[in-house]
Amino acid sequence: MKKLMMAAAMAASAFATQAKDIVDIAVGAGSFNTLVTAVKAAGLVDTLKGPGPFTVFAPTDEAFAKVPKATLDALLADKGKLTAVLTYHVVPGAVMAKDLAAGKVKTAQGSELTVTTAGGVKVDGANVIKTDIVASNGVIHVIDSVVLPK
């Protein structure tokens, strides 16, 4: 019995150390390179590696590719605007897909995102294409467009 308890404790410990934070998951996924570059340029890495919990609506590289290059370059060069756009994709707390309800949700940026659920979940018109990627400090939902604060 004692060996079984020790084995269970070691397995739990190994699992806890393997849990990745939001930034590590985004880096490892390979489909969020532009988002990771933007997070680094805005100086938000430490924040998104923090305890959270956070819910991140993460645009893919394809989502960023929809943004005109000149607009994206200007955004990456303006830390204040970049920070506002990125924190607009973050909601305090860990909100799982089953808990997403239609309505307004306050973002870390201070404005509100509009969530709709008719015909699939959308955030400010961006389709949520993958849900509930659990991180040690929150959850990621993948979206197919970059959303901008009003």
N, C-alpha and C. Protein backbone atom coordinates (compact mmCIF):
# COMPACT_ATOMS: atom_id res chain seq x y z
N MET A 1 0.82 -1.19 0.00
CA MET A 1 0.00 0.00 0.00
C MET A 1 0.88 1.26 0.00
N LYS A 2 1.94 1.23 0.82
CA LYS A 2 2.82 2.38 0.91
C LYS A 2 3.49 2.65 -0.44
N LYS A 3 3.92 1.57 -1.14
CA LYS A 3 4.54 1.73 -2.46
C LYS A 3 3.55 2.33 -3.45
N LEU A 4 2.30 1.88 -3.38
CA LEU A 4 1.27 2.40 -4.28
C LEU A 4 1.04 3.90 -4.04
N MET A 5 1.00 4.30 -2.78
CA MET A 5 0.81 5.71 -2.44
C MET A 5 2.00 6.55 -2.91
N MET A 6 3.21 6.02 -2.76
CA MET A 6 4.40 6.74 -3.21
C MET A 6 4.40 6.86 -4.73
N ALA A 7 4.01 5.80 -5.42
CA ALA A 7 3.95 5.84 -6.88
C ALA A 7 2.92 6.87 -7.34
N ALA A 8 1.78 6.91 -6.67
CA ALA A 8 0.74 7.88 -7.03
C ALA A 8 1.23 9.30 -6.78
N ALA A 9 1.92 9.52 -5.67
CA ALA A 9 2.45 10.85 -5.35
C ALA A 9 3.49 11.27 -6.38
N MET A 10 4.36 10.32 -6.79
CA MET A 10 5.37 10.64 -7.79
C MET A 10 4.72 10.95 -9.14
N ALA A 11 3.69 10.21 -9.50
CA ALA A 11 2.99 10.46 -10.77
C ALA A 11 2.33 11.83 -10.74
N ALA A 12 1.70 12.17 -9.63
CA ALA A 12 1.05 13.49 -9.50
C ALA A 12 2.09 14.60 -9.58
N SER A 13 3.23 14.39 -8.94
CA SER A 13 4.29 15.38 -8.98
C SER A 13 4.83 15.56 -10.40
N ALA A 14 5.02 14.45 -11.10
CA ALA A 14 5.51 14.52 -12.48
C ALA A 14 4.50 15.24 -13.36
N PHE A 15 3.20 14.97 -13.15
CA PHE A 15 2.17 15.64 -13.95
C PHE A 15 2.20 17.15 -13.68
N ALA A 16 2.32 17.53 -12.42
CA ALA A 16 2.30 18.95 -12.05
C ALA A 16 3.47 19.70 -12.70
N THR A 17 4.63 19.05 -12.76
CA THR A 17 5.77 19.75 -13.34
C THR A 17 5.69 19.77 -14.87
N GLN A 18 4.87 18.90 -15.46
CA GLN A 18 4.74 18.88 -16.91
C GLN A 18 3.68 19.85 -17.42
N ALA A 19 2.80 20.32 -16.55
CA ALA A 19 1.76 21.25 -16.97
C ALA A 19 2.41 22.54 -17.48
N LYS A 20 2.05 22.95 -18.68
CA LYS A 20 2.66 24.12 -19.29
C LYS A 20 1.73 25.32 -19.13
N ASP A 21 2.34 26.51 -19.03
CA ASP A 21 1.54 27.72 -18.96
C ASP A 21 1.10 28.14 -20.36
N ILE A 22 0.30 29.17 -20.42
CA ILE A 22 -0.28 29.64 -21.68
C ILE A 22 0.80 29.94 -22.73
N VAL A 23 1.86 30.63 -22.32
CA VAL A 23 2.92 31.00 -23.27
C VAL A 23 3.63 29.75 -23.80
N ASP A 24 3.97 28.82 -22.90
CA ASP A 24 4.67 27.60 -23.33
C ASP A 24 3.82 26.78 -24.29
N ILE A 25 2.52 26.71 -24.05
CA ILE A 25 1.63 25.97 -24.95
C ILE A 25 1.60 26.66 -26.32
N ALA A 26 1.49 27.98 -26.32
CA ALA A 26 1.45 28.72 -27.59
C ALA A 26 2.75 28.53 -28.38
N VAL A 27 3.88 28.59 -27.68
CA VAL A 27 5.18 28.40 -28.34
C VAL A 27 5.26 26.99 -28.92
N GLY A 28 4.86 26.00 -28.14
CA GLY A 28 4.98 24.61 -28.55
C GLY A 28 4.02 24.20 -29.65
N ALA A 29 2.90 24.90 -29.79
CA ALA A 29 1.88 24.51 -30.77
C ALA A 29 2.35 24.70 -32.20
N GLY A 30 3.17 25.71 -32.43
CA GLY A 30 3.68 25.96 -33.77
C GLY A 30 2.74 26.72 -34.68
N SER A 31 1.51 26.98 -34.23
CA SER A 31 0.55 27.71 -35.07
C SER A 31 0.24 29.10 -34.52
N PHE A 32 1.02 29.52 -33.52
CA PHE A 32 0.82 30.84 -32.90
C PHE A 32 2.10 31.67 -32.93
N ASN A 33 2.92 31.51 -33.96
CA ASN A 33 4.21 32.21 -34.02
C ASN A 33 4.05 33.72 -34.01
N THR A 34 3.08 34.24 -34.77
CA THR A 34 2.86 35.70 -34.80
C THR A 34 2.37 36.18 -33.44
N LEU A 35 1.47 35.43 -32.83
CA LEU A 35 0.97 35.80 -31.50
C LEU A 35 2.11 35.83 -30.49
N VAL A 36 2.96 34.82 -30.51
CA VAL A 36 4.09 34.77 -29.57
C VAL A 36 5.03 35.95 -29.81
N THR A 37 5.30 36.27 -31.08
CA THR A 37 6.14 37.43 -31.41
C THR A 37 5.53 38.71 -30.86
N ALA A 38 4.22 38.85 -31.03
CA ALA A 38 3.51 40.04 -30.54
C ALA A 38 3.53 40.12 -29.01
N VAL A 39 3.31 38.99 -28.36
CA VAL A 39 3.34 38.95 -26.88
C VAL A 39 4.72 39.38 -26.38
N LYS A 40 5.77 38.90 -27.05
CA LYS A 40 7.14 39.29 -26.66
C LYS A 40 7.35 40.79 -26.90
N ALA A 41 6.91 41.29 -28.07
CA ALA A 41 7.10 42.71 -28.40
C ALA A 41 6.36 43.62 -27.43
N ALA A 42 5.22 43.15 -26.92
CA ALA A 42 4.44 43.95 -25.98
C ALA A 42 4.93 43.81 -24.54
N GLY A 43 5.86 42.90 -24.30
CA GLY A 43 6.36 42.70 -22.94
C GLY A 43 5.35 41.99 -22.04
N LEU A 44 4.52 41.12 -22.64
CA LEU A 44 3.48 40.44 -21.86
C LEU A 44 3.81 39.00 -21.50
N VAL A 45 5.01 38.55 -21.83
CA VAL A 45 5.37 37.15 -21.55
C VAL A 45 5.25 36.84 -20.06
N ASP A 46 5.86 37.67 -19.21
CA ASP A 46 5.83 37.40 -17.77
C ASP A 46 4.40 37.41 -17.23
N THR A 47 3.57 38.31 -17.75
CA THR A 47 2.17 38.37 -17.31
C THR A 47 1.46 37.07 -17.66
N LEU A 48 1.60 36.62 -18.91
CA LEU A 48 0.89 35.41 -19.35
C LEU A 48 1.54 34.12 -18.86
N LYS A 49 2.70 34.24 -18.21
CA LYS A 49 3.31 33.10 -17.54
C LYS A 49 2.95 33.14 -16.05
N GLY A 50 2.29 34.22 -15.63
CA GLY A 50 1.92 34.41 -14.24
C GLY A 50 0.84 33.45 -13.80
N PRO A 51 0.43 33.58 -12.53
CA PRO A 51 -0.50 32.61 -11.96
C PRO A 51 -1.91 32.63 -12.58
N GLY A 52 -2.33 33.77 -13.12
CA GLY A 52 -3.67 33.83 -13.71
C GLY A 52 -4.73 33.64 -12.65
N PRO A 53 -5.79 32.91 -12.97
CA PRO A 53 -5.99 32.25 -14.26
C PRO A 53 -6.47 33.21 -15.35
N PHE A 54 -6.18 32.86 -16.59
CA PHE A 54 -6.56 33.66 -17.75
C PHE A 54 -7.31 32.78 -18.75
N THR A 55 -8.19 33.40 -19.50
CA THR A 55 -8.77 32.77 -20.68
C THR A 55 -8.25 33.58 -21.85
N VAL A 56 -7.57 32.92 -22.78
CA VAL A 56 -7.00 33.60 -23.94
C VAL A 56 -7.72 33.12 -25.19
N PHE A 57 -8.25 34.08 -25.95
CA PHE A 57 -8.80 33.81 -27.27
C PHE A 57 -7.64 34.05 -28.23
N ALA A 58 -6.99 32.96 -28.63
CA ALA A 58 -5.71 33.04 -29.34
C ALA A 58 -5.88 32.95 -30.86
N PRO A 59 -5.56 34.05 -31.57
CA PRO A 59 -5.60 34.00 -33.03
C PRO A 59 -4.42 33.19 -33.57
N THR A 60 -4.70 32.36 -34.56
CA THR A 60 -3.66 31.56 -35.22
C THR A 60 -2.83 32.45 -36.13
N ASP A 61 -1.75 31.87 -36.66
CA ASP A 61 -0.94 32.58 -37.65
C ASP A 61 -1.79 32.94 -38.87
N GLU A 62 -2.71 32.05 -39.25
CA GLU A 62 -3.61 32.33 -40.39
C GLU A 62 -4.51 33.53 -40.08
N ALA A 63 -4.94 33.66 -38.83
CA ALA A 63 -5.76 34.80 -38.43
C ALA A 63 -4.96 36.10 -38.58
N PHE A 64 -3.71 36.08 -38.12
CA PHE A 64 -2.87 37.27 -38.25
C PHE A 64 -2.57 37.57 -39.73
N ALA A 65 -2.53 36.54 -40.56
CA ALA A 65 -2.26 36.73 -41.99
C ALA A 65 -3.39 37.51 -42.67
N LYS A 66 -4.57 37.52 -42.08
CA LYS A 66 -5.70 38.28 -42.63
C LYS A 66 -5.53 39.79 -42.41
N VAL A 67 -4.70 40.15 -41.44
CA VAL A 67 -4.45 41.56 -41.14
C VAL A 67 -3.47 42.10 -42.19
N PRO A 68 -3.80 43.22 -42.84
CA PRO A 68 -2.85 43.77 -43.83
C PRO A 68 -1.46 43.95 -43.22
N LYS A 69 -0.42 43.60 -44.00
CA LYS A 69 0.96 43.64 -43.50
C LYS A 69 1.34 45.00 -42.92
N ALA A 70 0.97 46.07 -43.59
CA ALA A 70 1.31 47.42 -43.10
C ALA A 70 0.65 47.67 -41.74
N THR A 71 -0.58 47.22 -41.58
CA THR A 71 -1.30 47.40 -40.31
C THR A 71 -0.62 46.59 -39.21
N LEU A 72 -0.26 45.34 -39.53
CA LEU A 72 0.39 44.49 -38.55
C LEU A 72 1.77 45.04 -38.17
N ASP A 73 2.53 45.48 -39.16
CA ASP A 73 3.85 46.06 -38.88
C ASP A 73 3.74 47.30 -37.99
N ALA A 74 2.75 48.14 -38.27
CA ALA A 74 2.54 49.35 -37.46
C ALA A 74 2.16 48.97 -36.03
N LEU A 75 1.32 47.95 -35.90
CA LEU A 75 0.89 47.49 -34.59
C LEU A 75 2.08 46.94 -33.79
N LEU A 76 2.92 46.14 -34.45
CA LEU A 76 4.09 45.58 -33.77
C LEU A 76 5.09 46.66 -33.36
N ALA A 77 5.06 47.79 -34.05
CA ALA A 77 5.98 48.90 -33.74
C ALA A 77 5.44 49.83 -32.65
N ASP A 78 4.17 49.71 -32.29
CA ASP A 78 3.53 50.58 -31.30
C ASP A 78 3.14 49.75 -30.09
N LYS A 79 4.03 49.73 -29.10
CA LYS A 79 3.85 48.86 -27.93
C LYS A 79 2.52 49.12 -27.21
N GLY A 80 2.10 50.36 -27.12
CA GLY A 80 0.86 50.69 -26.43
C GLY A 80 -0.36 50.10 -27.14
N LYS A 81 -0.43 50.31 -28.45
CA LYS A 81 -1.56 49.76 -29.22
C LYS A 81 -1.51 48.24 -29.24
N LEU A 82 -0.31 47.69 -29.39
CA LEU A 82 -0.14 46.24 -29.42
C LEU A 82 -0.61 45.63 -28.10
N THR A 83 -0.22 46.23 -27.00
CA THR A 83 -0.64 45.74 -25.68
C THR A 83 -2.16 45.79 -25.56
N ALA A 84 -2.78 46.87 -26.04
CA ALA A 84 -4.24 47.00 -25.98
C ALA A 84 -4.92 45.89 -26.79
N VAL A 85 -4.41 45.63 -27.99
CA VAL A 85 -5.01 44.59 -28.84
C VAL A 85 -4.83 43.21 -28.19
N LEU A 86 -3.64 42.91 -27.71
CA LEU A 86 -3.39 41.60 -27.11
C LEU A 86 -4.19 41.38 -25.84
N THR A 87 -4.27 42.37 -24.96
CA THR A 87 -5.01 42.20 -23.72
C THR A 87 -6.51 42.17 -23.96
N TYR A 88 -6.94 42.64 -25.15
CA TYR A 88 -8.35 42.53 -25.54
C TYR A 88 -8.72 41.07 -25.83
N HIS A 89 -7.73 40.23 -26.08
CA HIS A 89 -7.95 38.81 -26.33
C HIS A 89 -7.92 37.98 -25.04
N VAL A 90 -7.74 38.64 -23.89
CA VAL A 90 -7.59 37.96 -22.61
C VAL A 90 -8.73 38.33 -21.68
N VAL A 91 -9.33 37.31 -21.07
CA VAL A 91 -10.39 37.49 -20.09
C VAL A 91 -9.89 36.95 -18.76
N PRO A 92 -10.04 37.72 -17.68
CA PRO A 92 -9.63 37.20 -16.38
C PRO A 92 -10.44 35.96 -16.00
N GLY A 93 -9.79 34.99 -15.38
CA GLY A 93 -10.45 33.76 -14.97
C GLY A 93 -10.30 32.69 -16.04
N ALA A 94 -10.58 31.45 -15.67
CA ALA A 94 -10.53 30.34 -16.62
C ALA A 94 -11.96 29.99 -17.01
N VAL A 95 -12.33 30.34 -18.23
CA VAL A 95 -13.69 30.10 -18.71
C VAL A 95 -13.65 28.96 -19.73
N MET A 96 -14.21 27.83 -19.36
CA MET A 96 -14.24 26.68 -20.26
C MET A 96 -15.36 26.88 -21.29
N ALA A 97 -15.26 26.17 -22.40
CA ALA A 97 -16.22 26.32 -23.50
C ALA A 97 -17.66 26.14 -23.02
N LYS A 98 -17.90 25.15 -22.17
CA LYS A 98 -19.26 24.88 -21.71
C LYS A 98 -19.82 26.05 -20.89
N ASP A 99 -18.94 26.91 -20.39
CA ASP A 99 -19.36 28.05 -19.58
C ASP A 99 -19.45 29.36 -20.37
N LEU A 100 -19.08 29.31 -21.67
CA LEU A 100 -19.19 30.51 -22.50
C LEU A 100 -20.67 30.74 -22.82
N ALA A 101 -21.14 31.91 -22.51
CA ALA A 101 -22.55 32.24 -22.76
C ALA A 101 -22.60 33.51 -23.61
N ALA A 102 -23.67 33.63 -24.38
CA ALA A 102 -23.84 34.83 -25.20
C ALA A 102 -23.92 36.05 -24.30
N GLY A 103 -23.28 37.13 -24.75
CA GLY A 103 -23.31 38.37 -23.99
C GLY A 103 -21.96 39.06 -24.02
N LYS A 104 -21.81 40.03 -23.15
CA LYS A 104 -20.58 40.81 -23.06
C LYS A 104 -19.66 40.23 -21.98
N VAL A 105 -18.37 40.22 -22.28
CA VAL A 105 -17.37 39.72 -21.34
C VAL A 105 -16.27 40.77 -21.23
N LYS A 106 -15.97 41.18 -20.00
CA LYS A 106 -14.92 42.18 -19.78
C LYS A 106 -13.55 41.57 -20.01
N THR A 107 -12.71 42.29 -20.75
CA THR A 107 -11.36 41.81 -21.06
C THR A 107 -10.33 42.43 -20.12
N ALA A 108 -9.12 41.90 -20.17
CA ALA A 108 -8.01 42.46 -19.40
C ALA A 108 -7.67 43.86 -19.89
N GLN A 109 -8.01 44.17 -21.14
CA GLN A 109 -7.75 45.50 -21.72
C GLN A 109 -8.72 46.53 -21.14
N GLY A 110 -9.90 46.09 -20.69
CA GLY A 110 -10.87 47.00 -20.09
C GLY A 110 -12.16 47.10 -20.89
N SER A 111 -12.12 46.82 -22.18
CA SER A 111 -13.33 46.83 -23.00
C SER A 111 -14.04 45.50 -22.87
N GLU A 112 -15.15 45.36 -23.59
CA GLU A 112 -15.90 44.12 -23.55
C GLU A 112 -15.91 43.43 -24.91
N LEU A 113 -15.72 42.12 -24.89
CA LEU A 113 -15.89 41.28 -26.07
C LEU A 113 -17.36 40.88 -26.13
N THR A 114 -17.87 40.69 -27.32
CA THR A 114 -19.23 40.18 -27.48
C THR A 114 -19.16 38.72 -27.88
N VAL A 115 -19.72 37.86 -27.05
CA VAL A 115 -19.77 36.43 -27.32
C VAL A 115 -21.14 36.10 -27.87
N THR A 116 -21.17 35.39 -29.01
CA THR A 116 -22.43 34.88 -29.55
C THR A 116 -22.31 33.36 -29.65
N THR A 117 -23.45 32.68 -29.52
CA THR A 117 -23.43 31.22 -29.52
C THR A 117 -24.33 30.62 -30.59
N ALA A 118 -25.06 31.43 -31.33
CA ALA A 118 -25.93 30.90 -32.39
C ALA A 118 -25.06 30.47 -33.58
N GLY A 119 -25.17 29.20 -33.99
CA GLY A 119 -24.39 28.71 -35.11
C GLY A 119 -22.91 28.55 -34.80
N GLY A 120 -22.59 28.25 -33.56
CA GLY A 120 -21.20 28.12 -33.14
C GLY A 120 -20.77 29.33 -32.33
N VAL A 121 -19.78 29.14 -31.50
CA VAL A 121 -19.33 30.23 -30.62
C VAL A 121 -18.46 31.21 -31.42
N LYS A 122 -18.78 32.49 -31.26
CA LYS A 122 -17.99 33.56 -31.88
C LYS A 122 -17.65 34.59 -30.82
N VAL A 123 -16.49 35.22 -31.01
CA VAL A 123 -16.05 36.30 -30.13
C VAL A 123 -15.81 37.50 -31.02
N ASP A 124 -16.63 38.54 -30.86
CA ASP A 124 -16.56 39.72 -31.74
C ASP A 124 -16.53 39.30 -33.22
N GLY A 125 -17.27 38.28 -33.57
CA GLY A 125 -17.35 37.82 -34.95
C GLY A 125 -16.31 36.81 -35.35
N ALA A 126 -15.27 36.61 -34.55
CA ALA A 126 -14.25 35.60 -34.84
C ALA A 126 -14.77 34.23 -34.40
N ASN A 127 -14.63 33.25 -35.26
CA ASN A 127 -15.07 31.89 -34.92
C ASN A 127 -14.10 31.24 -33.93
N VAL A 128 -14.67 30.63 -32.90
CA VAL A 128 -13.86 29.83 -31.98
C VAL A 128 -13.74 28.46 -32.64
N ILE A 129 -12.51 28.11 -33.06
CA ILE A 129 -12.32 26.90 -33.85
C ILE A 129 -11.75 25.73 -33.05
N LYS A 130 -11.25 25.99 -31.86
CA LYS A 130 -10.79 24.93 -30.96
C LYS A 130 -10.92 25.45 -29.54
N THR A 131 -11.40 24.60 -28.65
CA THR A 131 -11.67 25.05 -27.29
C THR A 131 -10.92 24.23 -26.25
N ASP A 132 -10.89 24.80 -25.07
CA ASP A 132 -10.46 24.11 -23.86
C ASP A 132 -9.06 23.50 -23.92
N ILE A 133 -8.09 24.28 -24.40
CA ILE A 133 -6.69 23.86 -24.30
C ILE A 133 -6.24 24.33 -22.92
N VAL A 134 -6.18 23.38 -22.01
CA VAL A 134 -5.95 23.71 -20.60
C VAL A 134 -4.46 23.92 -20.34
N ALA A 135 -4.15 25.03 -19.67
CA ALA A 135 -2.79 25.38 -19.27
C ALA A 135 -2.73 25.39 -17.75
N SER A 136 -1.53 25.47 -17.22
CA SER A 136 -1.38 25.50 -15.76
C SER A 136 -1.96 26.79 -15.17
N ASN A 137 -2.10 27.82 -15.99
CA ASN A 137 -2.59 29.11 -15.48
C ASN A 137 -3.81 29.62 -16.25
N GLY A 138 -4.58 28.70 -16.83
CA GLY A 138 -5.80 29.13 -17.51
C GLY A 138 -6.17 28.22 -18.66
N VAL A 139 -6.81 28.81 -19.65
CA VAL A 139 -7.31 28.03 -20.78
C VAL A 139 -7.19 28.86 -22.06
N ILE A 140 -6.96 28.17 -23.17
CA ILE A 140 -6.87 28.82 -24.47
C ILE A 140 -8.01 28.33 -25.34
N HIS A 141 -8.65 29.27 -26.03
CA HIS A 141 -9.62 28.95 -27.07
C HIS A 141 -9.05 29.57 -28.35
N VAL A 142 -8.97 28.80 -29.41
CA VAL A 142 -8.36 29.26 -30.66
C VAL A 142 -9.43 29.95 -31.51
N ILE A 143 -9.07 31.13 -32.06
CA ILE A 143 -10.00 31.87 -32.94
C ILE A 143 -9.37 32.08 -34.31
N ASP A 144 -10.24 32.31 -35.31
CA ASP A 144 -9.76 32.39 -36.69
C ASP A 144 -9.56 33.80 -37.21
N SER A 145 -9.71 34.80 -36.34
CA SER A 145 -9.48 36.20 -36.72
C SER A 145 -8.92 36.97 -35.53
N VAL A 146 -8.19 38.02 -35.83
CA VAL A 146 -7.72 38.92 -34.77
C VAL A 146 -8.88 39.86 -34.46
N VAL A 147 -9.21 40.04 -33.19
CA VAL A 147 -10.28 40.96 -32.81
C VAL A 147 -9.66 42.24 -32.26
N LEU A 148 -10.31 43.35 -32.56
CA LEU A 148 -9.77 44.65 -32.18
C LEU A 148 -10.71 45.39 -31.24
N PRO A 149 -10.16 46.04 -30.23
CA PRO A 149 -11.02 46.80 -29.33
C PRO A 149 -11.71 47.94 -30.09
N LYS A 150 -12.90 48.28 -29.65
CA LYS A 150 -13.64 49.37 -30.30
C LYS A 150 -13.05 50.70 -29.96
